[in-house]
Amino acid sequence: MSSNFATVVEQVQQLSVEEKSLLQVLLEKYLMEERRTEIYQHYQATKAQEDQLEFTSDWSKLKYLLEEEPL
């Protein structure tokens, strides 16, 4: 654990209950935004590979694709 993190934790402990509640709300929003960004990046990466994907409901073809193509 870095000394900066320890300093932040100590400073948070000194905040009032209202300030801690506001900080909690802000952190939750920041975490949600980071998660949304991560999901969007995964979406973009998948979309870029979209033309490489092949969909089928034919079991024999699916088995062939799984055996022949590296993941």
C-alpha atoms as a PDB file:
ATOM      1  CA  MET A   1       0.000   0.000   0.000  1.00  0.00           C
ATOM      2  CA  SER A   2       1.417   3.358  -0.964  1.00  0.00           C
ATOM      3  CA  SER A   3       1.924   6.170   1.495  1.00  0.00           C
ATOM      4  CA  ASN A   4      -0.348   8.363  -0.663  1.00  0.00           C
ATOM      5  CA  PHE A   5      -3.203   5.900  -0.206  1.00  0.00           C
ATOM      6  CA  ALA A   6      -2.593   5.751   3.542  1.00  0.00           C
ATOM      7  CA  THR A   7      -2.655   9.542   3.662  1.00  0.00           C
ATOM      8  CA  VAL A   8      -5.954   9.641   1.791  1.00  0.00           C
ATOM      9  CA  VAL A   9      -7.452   7.071   4.148  1.00  0.00           C
ATOM     10  CA  GLU A  10      -6.382   9.104   7.163  1.00  0.00           C
ATOM     11  CA  GLN A  11      -7.873  12.245   5.633  1.00  0.00           C
ATOM     12  CA  VAL A  12     -11.147  10.461   4.885  1.00  0.00           C
ATOM     13  CA  GLN A  13     -11.358   9.333   8.503  1.00  0.00           C
ATOM     14  CA  GLN A  14     -11.232  12.976   9.558  1.00  0.00           C
ATOM     15  CA  LEU A  15     -14.169  13.997   7.361  1.00  0.00           C
ATOM     16  CA  SER A  16     -17.644  14.605   8.755  1.00  0.00           C
ATOM     17  CA  VAL A  17     -20.367  12.016   8.204  1.00  0.00           C
ATOM     18  CA  GLU A  18     -21.942  14.210   5.514  1.00  0.00           C
ATOM     19  CA  GLU A  19     -18.629  14.578   3.679  1.00  0.00           C
ATOM     20  CA  LYS A  20     -18.027  10.834   3.870  1.00  0.00           C
ATOM     21  CA  SER A  21     -21.498  10.197   2.437  1.00  0.00           C
ATOM     22  CA  LEU A  22     -20.841  12.613  -0.430  1.00  0.00           C
ATOM     23  CA  LEU A  23     -17.467  10.993  -1.051  1.00  0.00           C
ATOM     24  CA  GLN A  24     -19.153   7.588  -1.169  1.00  0.00           C
ATOM     25  CA  VAL A  25     -21.648   8.813  -3.760  1.00  0.00           C
ATOM     26  CA  LEU A  26     -18.848  10.341  -5.837  1.00  0.00           C
ATOM     27  CA  LEU A  27     -16.748   7.171  -5.682  1.00  0.00           C
ATOM     28  CA  GLU A  28     -19.699   5.043  -6.764  1.00  0.00           C
ATOM     29  CA  LYS A  29     -20.281   7.363  -9.739  1.00  0.00           C
ATOM     30  CA  TYR A  30     -16.582   7.287 -10.671  1.00  0.00           C
ATOM     31  CA  LEU A  31     -16.535   3.489 -10.486  1.00  0.00           C
ATOM     32  CA  MET A  32     -19.662   3.223 -12.639  1.00  0.00           C
ATOM     33  CA  GLU A  33     -18.163   5.544 -15.230  1.00  0.00           C
ATOM     34  CA  GLU A  34     -14.925   3.543 -15.318  1.00  0.00           C
ATOM     35  CA  ARG A  35     -16.918   0.322 -15.739  1.00  0.00           C
ATOM     36  CA  ARG A  36     -18.959   1.875 -18.567  1.00  0.00           C
ATOM     37  CA  THR A  37     -15.743   2.927 -20.272  1.00  0.00           C
ATOM     38  CA  GLU A  38     -14.336  -0.583 -19.907  1.00  0.00           C
ATOM     39  CA  ILE A  39     -17.518  -2.131 -21.331  1.00  0.00           C
ATOM     40  CA  TYR A  40     -17.458   0.309 -24.255  1.00  0.00           C
ATOM     41  CA  GLN A  41     -13.817  -0.515 -24.982  1.00  0.00           C
ATOM     42  CA  HIS A  42     -14.658  -4.235 -25.030  1.00  0.00           C
ATOM     43  CA  TYR A  43     -17.581  -3.475 -27.332  1.00  0.00           C
ATOM     44  CA  GLN A  44     -15.316  -1.527 -29.692  1.00  0.00           C
ATOM     45  CA  ALA A  45     -12.749  -4.353 -29.748  1.00  0.00           C
ATOM     46  CA  THR A  46     -15.468  -6.897 -30.471  1.00  0.00           C
ATOM     47  CA  LYS A  47     -16.993  -4.731 -33.178  1.00  0.00           C
ATOM     48  CA  ALA A  48     -13.591  -4.411 -34.843  1.00  0.00           C
ATOM     49  CA  GLN A  49     -13.404  -8.215 -35.044  1.00  0.00           C
ATOM     50  CA  GLU A  50     -17.019  -8.594 -36.134  1.00  0.00           C
ATOM     51  CA  ASP A  51     -16.164  -9.467 -39.730  1.00  0.00           C
ATOM     52  CA  GLN A  52     -14.007 -12.323 -38.453  1.00  0.00           C
ATOM     53  CA  LEU A  53     -16.895 -13.956 -36.585  1.00  0.00           C
ATOM     54  CA  GLU A  54     -18.992 -16.720 -38.058  1.00  0.00           C
ATOM     55  CA  PHE A  55     -22.315 -17.763 -36.595  1.00  0.00           C
ATOM     56  CA  THR A  56     -23.992 -21.082 -37.205  1.00  0.00           C
ATOM     57  CA  SER A  57     -26.614 -23.351 -35.689  1.00  0.00           C
ATOM     58  CA  ASP A  58     -25.237 -26.357 -37.592  1.00  0.00           C
ATOM     59  CA  TRP A  59     -23.618 -28.543 -34.918  1.00  0.00           C
ATOM     60  CA  SER A  60     -21.213 -30.268 -37.256  1.00  0.00           C
ATOM     61  CA  LYS A  61     -20.003 -26.949 -38.670  1.00  0.00           C
ATOM     62  CA  LEU A  62     -19.682 -25.528 -35.161  1.00  0.00           C
ATOM     63  CA  LYS A  63     -17.627 -28.532 -34.069  1.00  0.00           C
ATOM     64  CA  TYR A  64     -15.413 -28.119 -37.145  1.00  0.00           C
ATOM     65  CA  LEU A  65     -14.911 -24.399 -36.436  1.00  0.00           C
ATOM     66  CA  LEU A  66     -13.984 -25.086 -32.821  1.00  0.00           C
ATOM     67  CA  GLU A  67     -11.489 -27.769 -33.777  1.00  0.00           C
ATOM     68  CA  GLU A  68      -9.896 -25.959 -36.720  1.00  0.00           C
ATOM     69  CA  GLU A  69      -9.689 -22.349 -35.593  1.00  0.00           C
ATOM     70  CA  PRO A  70      -7.551 -21.250 -32.659  1.00  0.00           C
ATOM     71  CA  LEU A  71      -9.349 -19.172 -30.054  1.00  0.00           C
END
